[in-house]
Amino acid sequence: MPDLKTNARRATTPLPAAEAALAGETGASLRRALWLDALDQQLRPLLPPGAAAHCRLANVSGEQLVFVTDSPVWRARLRLAEAQLLDAARSIGLNPTAVILKTTTVPLHAPAAPATSPLVSATALKAVSDALASLRDPLPGDPDRSKG
């Protein structure tokens, strides 16, 4: 007869979603993506002027840094600043020896949410308000409207 104590399932509390996603081998890709994003955030202020908005750290492969740019112009500018990119990476603890630059047609950053504007302009609101007020005002000589 099997031992009931060994076959009984232990009551466990479920892991929070973030912990479950990061747990085990399945979370390795997510952990790496988070690590790369953290490196990108550290490198961003150290990039040449204006480059931060046009490139992103895509990978660290061995001793190579892989950056993705949003246009060939920025790819060329970063190629000229390769020594500066390597120095920036070394300053945050990496030991790269080469920079690989790629260009993408996909936006690097999520588009900013459009600024919310009022659905109706102030002029339109005033016009509607005036129209409603005119409906409430009695017309001269209209006995039904003057009784209120």
Protein backbone atom coordinates (compact mmCIF):
# COMPACT_ATOMS: atom_id res chain seq x y z
CA MET A 1 0.00 0.00 0.00
CA PRO A 2 1.48 3.38 -0.99
CA ASP A 3 2.42 5.78 1.71
CA LEU A 4 -0.19 8.54 1.74
CA LYS A 5 2.21 11.08 3.18
CA THR A 6 4.64 10.85 0.27
CA ASN A 7 1.89 10.94 -2.38
CA ALA A 8 -0.01 13.82 -0.88
CA ARG A 9 0.50 17.08 -2.71
CA ARG A 10 1.83 19.92 -0.68
CA ALA A 11 -0.23 23.05 -0.65
CA THR A 12 1.75 25.75 -2.39
CA THR A 13 1.02 29.34 -3.05
CA PRO A 14 1.31 30.39 -6.67
CA LEU A 15 4.27 32.53 -7.70
CA PRO A 16 3.62 36.11 -8.71
CA ALA A 17 3.55 36.45 -12.50
CA ALA A 18 6.93 38.18 -12.78
CA GLU A 19 8.66 35.53 -10.65
CA ALA A 20 7.00 32.73 -12.60
CA ALA A 21 8.10 34.27 -15.91
CA LEU A 22 11.70 34.58 -14.72
CA ALA A 23 11.89 31.14 -13.08
CA GLY A 24 13.82 28.22 -14.51
CA GLU A 25 15.19 27.75 -17.99
CA THR A 26 12.16 29.31 -19.62
CA GLY A 27 13.01 32.64 -18.02
CA ALA A 28 16.57 32.73 -19.39
CA SER A 29 15.57 34.69 -22.50
CA LEU A 30 13.57 37.15 -20.45
CA ARG A 31 16.40 37.60 -17.94
CA ARG A 32 18.84 38.24 -20.82
CA ALA A 33 16.49 40.78 -22.40
CA LEU A 34 16.18 42.60 -19.08
CA TRP A 35 19.98 42.56 -18.66
CA LEU A 36 20.47 43.98 -22.17
CA ASP A 37 17.87 46.66 -21.50
CA ALA A 38 19.66 47.62 -18.27
CA LEU A 39 22.98 47.86 -20.16
CA ASP A 40 21.32 49.96 -22.84
CA GLN A 41 20.01 52.34 -20.17
CA GLN A 42 23.51 52.65 -18.69
CA LEU A 43 25.15 53.26 -22.08
CA ARG A 44 22.55 55.71 -23.39
CA PRO A 45 23.89 58.80 -21.51
CA LEU A 46 27.45 57.95 -22.62
CA LEU A 47 26.67 57.88 -26.34
CA PRO A 48 27.72 60.67 -28.71
CA PRO A 49 25.38 63.70 -28.71
CA GLY A 50 22.08 62.99 -30.40
CA ALA A 51 22.76 59.27 -30.91
CA ALA A 52 20.68 58.01 -27.99
CA ALA A 53 17.43 58.67 -29.81
CA HIS A 54 18.63 56.88 -32.95
CA CYS A 55 20.32 53.71 -31.69
CA ARG A 56 19.88 50.92 -29.21
CA LEU A 57 22.12 48.23 -27.77
CA ALA A 58 20.82 45.03 -29.34
CA ASN A 59 23.23 42.42 -28.03
CA VAL A 60 26.51 41.69 -26.34
CA SER A 61 28.02 38.71 -28.10
CA GLY A 62 31.32 37.66 -26.60
CA GLU A 63 33.54 40.70 -26.95
CA GLN A 64 31.29 42.39 -29.50
CA LEU A 65 28.70 45.09 -28.91
CA VAL A 66 25.84 45.03 -31.37
CA PHE A 67 23.96 48.29 -31.87
CA VAL A 68 20.91 48.85 -34.05
CA THR A 69 20.36 52.25 -35.64
CA ASP A 70 17.29 53.69 -37.30
CA SER A 71 19.06 55.05 -40.40
CA PRO A 72 22.25 54.65 -42.41
CA VAL A 73 23.27 58.18 -41.40
CA TRP A 74 23.33 57.25 -37.71
CA ARG A 75 25.08 53.99 -38.52
CA ALA A 76 27.87 56.00 -40.18
CA ARG A 77 28.06 58.46 -37.28
CA LEU A 78 28.36 55.62 -34.77
CA ARG A 79 30.99 53.92 -36.93
CA LEU A 80 33.06 57.10 -36.59
CA ALA A 81 32.49 57.05 -32.81
CA GLU A 82 33.45 53.38 -32.37
CA ALA A 83 36.31 54.16 -29.96
CA GLN A 84 33.94 56.27 -27.83
CA LEU A 85 31.38 53.41 -27.78
CA LEU A 86 34.04 50.93 -26.65
CA ASP A 87 35.23 53.31 -23.92
CA ALA A 88 31.64 53.84 -22.74
CA ALA A 89 31.08 50.09 -22.54
CA ARG A 90 34.31 49.59 -20.61
CA SER A 91 33.26 52.29 -18.15
CA ILE A 92 30.23 50.20 -17.13
CA GLY A 93 32.19 46.96 -16.71
CA LEU A 94 32.08 45.33 -20.13
CA ASN A 95 35.21 44.35 -22.06
CA PRO A 96 34.32 44.74 -25.74
CA THR A 97 36.86 44.75 -28.54
CA ALA A 98 34.54 45.45 -31.47
CA VAL A 99 31.31 47.20 -32.36
CA ILE A 100 28.84 45.82 -34.88
CA LEU A 101 26.30 48.29 -36.26
CA LYS A 102 23.08 47.32 -38.00
CA THR A 103 20.27 49.38 -39.46
CA THR A 104 16.59 48.59 -39.07
CA THR A 105 13.42 49.87 -40.67
CA VAL A 106 11.40 49.22 -37.51
CA PRO A 107 11.13 52.13 -35.02
CA LEU A 108 13.60 51.65 -32.16
CA HIS A 109 11.35 53.20 -29.56
CA ALA A 110 7.61 53.07 -29.05
CA PRO A 111 5.96 56.15 -30.51
CA ALA A 112 5.05 58.75 -27.94
CA ALA A 113 1.38 58.95 -27.05
CA PRO A 114 -0.21 61.92 -28.78
CA ALA A 115 -0.90 64.87 -26.55
CA THR A 116 -4.52 64.85 -25.51
CA SER A 117 -6.40 67.86 -26.70
CA PRO A 118 -9.93 68.81 -25.77
CA LEU A 119 -12.49 67.19 -28.00
CA VAL A 120 -14.19 70.55 -28.53
CA SER A 121 -12.51 73.92 -28.81
CA ALA A 122 -13.30 76.77 -26.42
CA THR A 123 -14.95 78.69 -29.29
CA ALA A 124 -17.25 75.76 -30.05
CA LEU A 125 -18.16 75.40 -26.37
CA LYS A 126 -19.06 79.09 -26.18
CA ALA A 127 -21.16 78.86 -29.34
CA VAL A 128 -23.13 75.90 -27.97
CA SER A 129 -23.54 77.65 -24.62
CA ASP A 130 -24.85 80.80 -26.35
CA ALA A 131 -27.24 78.73 -28.45
CA LEU A 132 -28.62 76.98 -25.35
CA ALA A 133 -29.00 80.32 -23.56
CA SER A 134 -30.94 81.73 -26.48
CA LEU A 135 -33.35 78.82 -26.23
CA ARG A 136 -33.98 79.62 -22.58
CA ASP A 137 -34.57 83.35 -23.14
CA PRO A 138 -38.20 84.19 -23.90
CA LEU A 139 -38.88 85.78 -27.24
CA PRO A 140 -40.74 89.09 -27.14
CA GLY A 141 -44.47 88.58 -27.64
CA ASP A 142 -44.32 84.76 -27.08
CA PRO A 143 -46.75 84.10 -24.20
CA ASP A 144 -45.94 80.35 -23.95
CA ARG A 145 -42.22 81.00 -23.51
CA SER A 146 -42.60 83.83 -21.05
CA LYS A 147 -44.44 81.69 -18.46
CA GLY A 148 -41.34 79.67 -17.59
